[in-house]
């Protein structure tokens, strides 16, 4: 049933948002050199890698040093990139991942392999379901970049504090993935972005 809603909503979203996508593409191309989309290898269901699609918000090649962005004003982010990230618009192309069946609209956010390799056996339960565009952890840690900016050692803070907390929230949805929760999380995500 959830797959059916994923297909309907992602297809509807892509059709409705097409003019908006074109505008974002023009803004990205006029703002900085490089491709419009950013593809990053993430770990999906059953521990399989897939290419996560986002609008590019950083200068070309700026992600080679680290995979996490730190602070609201990470110098690697372009001018239009700040706007796209603030309103989570860079995530919209993941509707294509949903349409392809690699992701769901709701589910644990997919992580890069570097951090998945640190999961405990219990934490690896998140790999038993499709990753999602949003979930409880996305709502709770919507300002994660700013939290990391305040940390003395951002990567250690992410690994020891933020990642385990996010994984606990991921498991909350996994334990009760019904249609009610699915739509509740979607509505809360939209409300939080606009707030």
C-alpha atoms as a PDB file:
ATOM      1  CA  UNK A   1       0.000   0.000   0.000  1.00  0.00           C
ATOM      2  CA  UNK A   2       2.807   2.431   0.910  1.00  0.00           C
ATOM      3  CA  UNK A   3       4.550   1.687  -2.410  1.00  0.00           C
ATOM      4  CA  UNK A   4       1.361   2.655  -4.223  1.00  0.00           C
ATOM      5  CA  UNK A   5       1.222   5.997  -2.387  1.00  0.00           C
ATOM      6  CA  UNK A   6       4.953   6.500  -3.086  1.00  0.00           C
ATOM      7  CA  UNK A   7       4.337   6.029  -6.807  1.00  0.00           C
ATOM      8  CA  UNK A   8       1.255   8.257  -6.966  1.00  0.00           C
ATOM      9  CA  UNK A   9       2.664  11.075  -4.811  1.00  0.00           C
ATOM     10  CA  UNK A  10       6.153  11.095  -6.368  1.00  0.00           C
ATOM     11  CA  UNK A  11       4.760  11.104  -9.916  1.00  0.00           C
ATOM     12  CA  UNK A  12       2.238  13.812  -8.995  1.00  0.00           C
ATOM     13  CA  UNK A  13       4.993  15.825  -7.297  1.00  0.00           C
ATOM     14  CA  UNK A  14       7.324  15.612 -10.294  1.00  0.00           C
ATOM     15  CA  UNK A  15       4.586  16.730 -12.701  1.00  0.00           C
ATOM     16  CA  UNK A  16       3.386  19.615 -10.500  1.00  0.00           C
ATOM     17  CA  UNK A  17       6.898  20.755  -9.646  1.00  0.00           C
ATOM     18  CA  UNK A  18       8.293  20.582 -13.207  1.00  0.00           C
ATOM     19  CA  UNK A  19       8.120  24.382 -13.818  1.00  0.00           C
ATOM     20  CA  UNK A  20       9.756  24.928 -10.417  1.00  0.00           C
ATOM     21  CA  UNK A  21      12.472  22.387 -11.310  1.00  0.00           C
ATOM     22  CA  UNK A  22      13.200  24.325 -14.515  1.00  0.00           C
ATOM     23  CA  UNK A  23      13.533  27.572 -12.552  1.00  0.00           C
ATOM     24  CA  UNK A  24      15.903  25.935 -10.029  1.00  0.00           C
ATOM     25  CA  UNK A  25      17.985  24.470 -12.867  1.00  0.00           C
ATOM     26  CA  UNK A  26      18.354  27.922 -14.469  1.00  0.00           C
ATOM     27  CA  UNK A  27      19.345  29.465 -11.118  1.00  0.00           C
ATOM     28  CA  UNK A  28      21.957  26.765 -10.453  1.00  0.00           C
ATOM     29  CA  UNK A  29      23.470  27.136 -13.945  1.00  0.00           C
ATOM     30  CA  UNK A  30      23.704  30.932 -13.661  1.00  0.00           C
ATOM     31  CA  UNK A  31      25.079  30.813 -10.095  1.00  0.00           C
ATOM     32  CA  UNK A  32      28.096  28.532 -10.549  1.00  0.00           C
ATOM     33  CA  UNK A  33      29.854  26.174 -12.944  1.00  0.00           C
ATOM     34  CA  UNK A  34      29.118  22.462 -12.757  1.00  0.00           C
ATOM     35  CA  UNK A  35      26.293  20.016 -13.237  1.00  0.00           C
ATOM     36  CA  UNK A  36      22.755  20.724 -12.093  1.00  0.00           C
ATOM     37  CA  UNK A  37      22.373  17.497 -10.136  1.00  0.00           C
ATOM     38  CA  UNK A  38      24.568  16.032  -7.446  1.00  0.00           C
ATOM     39  CA  UNK A  39      24.722  12.243  -7.272  1.00  0.00           C
ATOM     40  CA  UNK A  40      26.030  10.647  -4.096  1.00  0.00           C
ATOM     41  CA  UNK A  41      26.387   6.974  -3.272  1.00  0.00           C
ATOM     42  CA  UNK A  42      24.209   6.120  -0.275  1.00  0.00           C
ATOM     43  CA  UNK A  43      23.323   2.820   1.371  1.00  0.00           C
ATOM     44  CA  UNK A  44      19.790   1.607   0.783  1.00  0.00           C
ATOM     45  CA  UNK A  45      17.596  -1.361   1.631  1.00  0.00           C
ATOM     46  CA  UNK A  46      19.418  -4.662   2.196  1.00  0.00           C
ATOM     47  CA  UNK A  47      22.752  -2.821   2.429  1.00  0.00           C
ATOM     48  CA  UNK A  48      22.762  -2.043  -1.320  1.00  0.00           C
ATOM     49  CA  UNK A  49      24.339   1.123  -2.650  1.00  0.00           C
ATOM     50  CA  UNK A  50      22.377   3.493  -4.874  1.00  0.00           C
ATOM     51  CA  UNK A  51      22.831   6.981  -6.308  1.00  0.00           C
ATOM     52  CA  UNK A  52      20.927   9.601  -4.323  1.00  0.00           C
ATOM     53  CA  UNK A  53      19.865  12.546  -6.531  1.00  0.00           C
ATOM     54  CA  UNK A  54      19.919  16.131  -5.282  1.00  0.00           C
ATOM     55  CA  UNK A  55      20.153  19.555  -6.811  1.00  0.00           C
ATOM     56  CA  UNK A  56      23.799  20.638  -6.580  1.00  0.00           C
ATOM     57  CA  UNK A  57      24.265  23.208  -3.813  1.00  0.00           C
ATOM     58  CA  UNK A  58      28.070  23.218  -3.560  1.00  0.00           C
ATOM     59  CA  UNK A  59      30.796  24.345  -5.870  1.00  0.00           C
ATOM     60  CA  UNK A  60      31.918  21.548  -8.198  1.00  0.00           C
ATOM     61  CA  UNK A  61      34.282  19.119  -6.408  1.00  0.00           C
ATOM     62  CA  UNK A  62      33.751  20.745  -3.006  1.00  0.00           C
ATOM     63  CA  UNK A  63      32.471  17.487  -1.457  1.00  0.00           C
ATOM     64  CA  UNK A  64      35.781  15.640  -1.876  1.00  0.00           C
ATOM     65  CA  UNK A  65      37.067  16.666   1.549  1.00  0.00           C
ATOM     66  CA  UNK A  66      34.102  15.579   3.677  1.00  0.00           C
ATOM     67  CA  UNK A  67      30.540  14.334   3.256  1.00  0.00           C
ATOM     68  CA  UNK A  68      28.899  16.377   6.048  1.00  0.00           C
ATOM     69  CA  UNK A  69      28.156  20.076   5.757  1.00  0.00           C
ATOM     70  CA  UNK A  70      28.950  22.149   8.807  1.00  0.00           C
ATOM     71  CA  UNK A  71      27.005  25.258   9.794  1.00  0.00           C
ATOM     72  CA  UNK A  72      24.497  27.427   8.013  1.00  0.00           C
ATOM     73  CA  UNK A  73      27.280  29.172   6.097  1.00  0.00           C
ATOM     74  CA  UNK A  74      29.586  26.386   4.947  1.00  0.00           C
ATOM     75  CA  UNK A  75      31.889  28.231   2.474  1.00  0.00           C
ATOM     76  CA  UNK A  76      31.587  25.392  -0.055  1.00  0.00           C
ATOM     77  CA  UNK A  77      27.893  26.129  -0.600  1.00  0.00           C
ATOM     78  CA  UNK A  78      26.868  28.399  -3.497  1.00  0.00           C
ATOM     79  CA  UNK A  79      24.570  31.412  -3.135  1.00  0.00           C
ATOM     80  CA  UNK A  80      21.549  29.618  -4.584  1.00  0.00           C
ATOM     81  CA  UNK A  81      22.655  26.537  -2.639  1.00  0.00           C
ATOM     82  CA  UNK A  82      21.989  28.314   0.674  1.00  0.00           C
ATOM     83  CA  UNK A  83      18.434  29.044  -0.399  1.00  0.00           C
ATOM     84  CA  UNK A  84      17.823  25.512  -1.703  1.00  0.00           C
ATOM     85  CA  UNK A  85      19.166  23.941   1.492  1.00  0.00           C
ATOM     86  CA  UNK A  86      17.292  26.270   3.822  1.00  0.00           C
ATOM     87  CA  UNK A  87      13.956  25.198   2.373  1.00  0.00           C
ATOM     88  CA  UNK A  88      15.080  21.605   1.622  1.00  0.00           C
ATOM     89  CA  UNK A  89      14.486  22.204  -2.092  1.00  0.00           C
ATOM     90  CA  UNK A  90      17.743  20.429  -2.947  1.00  0.00           C
ATOM     91  CA  UNK A  91      16.044  17.199  -1.842  1.00  0.00           C
ATOM     92  CA  UNK A  92      13.204  17.394  -4.408  1.00  0.00           C
ATOM     93  CA  UNK A  93      14.972  15.325  -7.127  1.00  0.00           C
ATOM     94  CA  UNK A  94      14.823  12.382  -4.717  1.00  0.00           C
ATOM     95  CA  UNK A  95      11.266  11.996  -5.963  1.00  0.00           C
ATOM     96  CA  UNK A  96      13.010  10.288  -8.913  1.00  0.00           C
ATOM     97  CA  UNK A  97      14.661   7.856  -6.451  1.00  0.00           C
ATOM     98  CA  UNK A  98      11.201   7.168  -5.024  1.00  0.00           C
ATOM     99  CA  UNK A  99       9.726   6.602  -8.482  1.00  0.00           C
ATOM    100  CA  UNK A 100      12.563   4.175  -9.279  1.00  0.00           C
ATOM    101  CA  UNK A 101      11.800   2.216  -6.104  1.00  0.00           C
ATOM    102  CA  UNK A 102      15.157   2.976  -4.438  1.00  0.00           C
ATOM    103  CA  UNK A 103      13.514   5.118  -1.762  1.00  0.00           C
ATOM    104  CA  UNK A 104      10.176   5.820  -0.124  1.00  0.00           C
ATOM    105  CA  UNK A 105       8.778   9.236   0.734  1.00  0.00           C
ATOM    106  CA  UNK A 106       8.991   8.241   4.411  1.00  0.00           C
ATOM    107  CA  UNK A 107      11.746   6.127   5.921  1.00  0.00           C
ATOM    108  CA  UNK A 108      15.209   6.349   7.492  1.00  0.00           C
ATOM    109  CA  UNK A 109      17.438   8.850   5.704  1.00  0.00           C
ATOM    110  CA  UNK A 110      20.055   6.937   3.695  1.00  0.00           C
ATOM    111  CA  UNK A 111      23.591   7.300   4.984  1.00  0.00           C
ATOM    112  CA  UNK A 112      26.981   7.164   3.248  1.00  0.00           C
ATOM    113  CA  UNK A 113      28.903   3.877   3.521  1.00  0.00           C
ATOM    114  CA  UNK A 114      31.569   5.401   5.785  1.00  0.00           C
ATOM    115  CA  UNK A 115      29.047   5.855   8.598  1.00  0.00           C
ATOM    116  CA  UNK A 116      26.938   2.751   7.894  1.00  0.00           C
ATOM    117  CA  UNK A 117      30.077   0.682   8.515  1.00  0.00           C
ATOM    118  CA  UNK A 118      29.991   1.985  12.112  1.00  0.00           C
ATOM    119  CA  UNK A 119      26.429   0.765  12.807  1.00  0.00           C
ATOM    120  CA  UNK A 120      25.879  -1.788  15.551  1.00  0.00           C
ATOM    121  CA  UNK A 121      23.924  -4.968  14.640  1.00  0.00           C
ATOM    122  CA  UNK A 122      20.788  -3.411  16.178  1.00  0.00           C
ATOM    123  CA  UNK A 123      21.246  -0.141  14.272  1.00  0.00           C
ATOM    124  CA  UNK A 124      21.568  -2.089  11.010  1.00  0.00           C
ATOM    125  CA  UNK A 125      17.826  -2.828  11.258  1.00  0.00           C
ATOM    126  CA  UNK A 126      17.293   0.453   9.395  1.00  0.00           C
ATOM    127  CA  UNK A 127      18.738  -1.277   6.324  1.00  0.00           C
ATOM    128  CA  UNK A 128      15.826  -3.747   6.298  1.00  0.00           C
ATOM    129  CA  UNK A 129      13.487  -1.072   4.896  1.00  0.00           C
ATOM    130  CA  UNK A 130      13.660   1.414   2.048  1.00  0.00           C
ATOM    131  CA  UNK A 131      15.307   4.688   2.986  1.00  0.00           C
ATOM    132  CA  UNK A 132      13.138   7.787   2.802  1.00  0.00           C
ATOM    133  CA  UNK A 133      13.173  11.469   1.993  1.00  0.00           C
ATOM    134  CA  UNK A 134      11.857  12.295   5.463  1.00  0.00           C
ATOM    135  CA  UNK A 135      11.209  10.645   8.823  1.00  0.00           C
ATOM    136  CA  UNK A 136      11.151  11.418  12.547  1.00  0.00           C
ATOM    137  CA  UNK A 137      14.926  11.985  12.575  1.00  0.00           C
ATOM    138  CA  UNK A 138      14.689  14.483   9.696  1.00  0.00           C
ATOM    139  CA  UNK A 139      12.136  16.454  11.699  1.00  0.00           C
ATOM    140  CA  UNK A 140      14.123  16.349  14.931  1.00  0.00           C
ATOM    141  CA  UNK A 141      17.467  17.193  13.309  1.00  0.00           C
ATOM    142  CA  UNK A 142      16.319  19.693  10.692  1.00  0.00           C
ATOM    143  CA  UNK A 143      19.086  22.071  11.916  1.00  0.00           C
ATOM    144  CA  UNK A 144      21.818  19.411  12.091  1.00  0.00           C
ATOM    145  CA  UNK A 145      24.352  21.583  10.212  1.00  0.00           C
ATOM    146  CA  UNK A 146      24.113  24.324  12.836  1.00  0.00           C
ATOM    147  CA  UNK A 147      24.471  21.750  15.633  1.00  0.00           C
ATOM    148  CA  UNK A 148      27.672  20.425  14.066  1.00  0.00           C
ATOM    149  CA  UNK A 149      29.029  23.949  13.644  1.00  0.00           C
ATOM    150  CA  UNK A 150      28.977  24.412  17.424  1.00  0.00           C
ATOM    151  CA  UNK A 151      30.823  21.144  18.085  1.00  0.00           C
ATOM    152  CA  UNK A 152      34.522  21.126  18.909  1.00  0.00           C
ATOM    153  CA  UNK A 153      35.003  17.984  16.822  1.00  0.00           C
ATOM    154  CA  UNK A 154      32.126  17.837  14.308  1.00  0.00           C
ATOM    155  CA  UNK A 155      32.720  14.299  13.081  1.00  0.00           C
ATOM    156  CA  UNK A 156      33.065  12.827  16.562  1.00  0.00           C
ATOM    157  CA  UNK A 157      29.882  14.649  17.618  1.00  0.00           C
ATOM    158  CA  UNK A 158      28.058  13.250  14.601  1.00  0.00           C
ATOM    159  CA  UNK A 159      29.239   9.671  15.199  1.00  0.00           C
ATOM    160  CA  UNK A 160      28.805   9.597  18.988  1.00  0.00           C
ATOM    161  CA  UNK A 161      25.732  11.792  19.518  1.00  0.00           C
ATOM    162  CA  UNK A 162      23.734  12.720  16.424  1.00  0.00           C
ATOM    163  CA  UNK A 163      23.932   9.484  14.428  1.00  0.00           C
ATOM    164  CA  UNK A 164      22.817   7.202  17.333  1.00  0.00           C
ATOM    165  CA  UNK A 165      19.950   9.587  18.189  1.00  0.00           C
ATOM    166  CA  UNK A 166      18.825   9.637  14.552  1.00  0.00           C
ATOM    167  CA  UNK A 167      18.984   5.841  14.351  1.00  0.00           C
ATOM    168  CA  UNK A 168      16.804   5.532  17.469  1.00  0.00           C
ATOM    169  CA  UNK A 169      14.226   7.781  15.798  1.00  0.00           C
ATOM    170  CA  UNK A 170      14.515   5.749  12.564  1.00  0.00           C
ATOM    171  CA  UNK A 171      13.573   2.639  14.501  1.00  0.00           C
ATOM    172  CA  UNK A 172      10.482   4.393  15.867  1.00  0.00           C
ATOM    173  CA  UNK A 173       9.031   4.548  12.345  1.00  0.00           C
ATOM    174  CA  UNK A 174      10.275   1.067  11.411  1.00  0.00           C
ATOM    175  CA  UNK A 175       8.406  -0.398  14.383  1.00  0.00           C
ATOM    176  CA  UNK A 176       5.114   1.207  13.258  1.00  0.00           C
ATOM    177  CA  UNK A 177       5.216   1.959   9.492  1.00  0.00           C
ATOM    178  CA  UNK A 178       1.483   2.316   8.955  1.00  0.00           C
ATOM    179  CA  UNK A 179      -0.281   4.667   6.522  1.00  0.00           C
ATOM    180  CA  UNK A 180      -1.293   7.011   9.354  1.00  0.00           C
ATOM    181  CA  UNK A 181       2.318   7.575  10.408  1.00  0.00           C
ATOM    182  CA  UNK A 182       3.375   7.849   6.757  1.00  0.00           C
ATOM    183  CA  UNK A 183       1.030  10.773   6.080  1.00  0.00           C
ATOM    184  CA  UNK A 184       1.585  12.318   9.527  1.00  0.00           C
ATOM    185  CA  UNK A 185       5.337  12.559   8.877  1.00  0.00           C
ATOM    186  CA  UNK A 186       4.821  14.014   5.377  1.00  0.00           C
ATOM    187  CA  UNK A 187       2.463  16.713   6.714  1.00  0.00           C
ATOM    188  CA  UNK A 188       4.770  17.536   9.660  1.00  0.00           C
ATOM    189  CA  UNK A 189       7.752  17.810   7.295  1.00  0.00           C
ATOM    190  CA  UNK A 190       5.963  20.238   4.965  1.00  0.00           C
ATOM    191  CA  UNK A 191       4.751  22.296   7.951  1.00  0.00           C
ATOM    192  CA  UNK A 192       8.219  22.441   9.524  1.00  0.00           C
ATOM    193  CA  UNK A 193       9.888  23.553   6.276  1.00  0.00           C
ATOM    194  CA  UNK A 194       7.404  26.393   5.765  1.00  0.00           C
ATOM    195  CA  UNK A 195       7.569  27.395   9.432  1.00  0.00           C
END
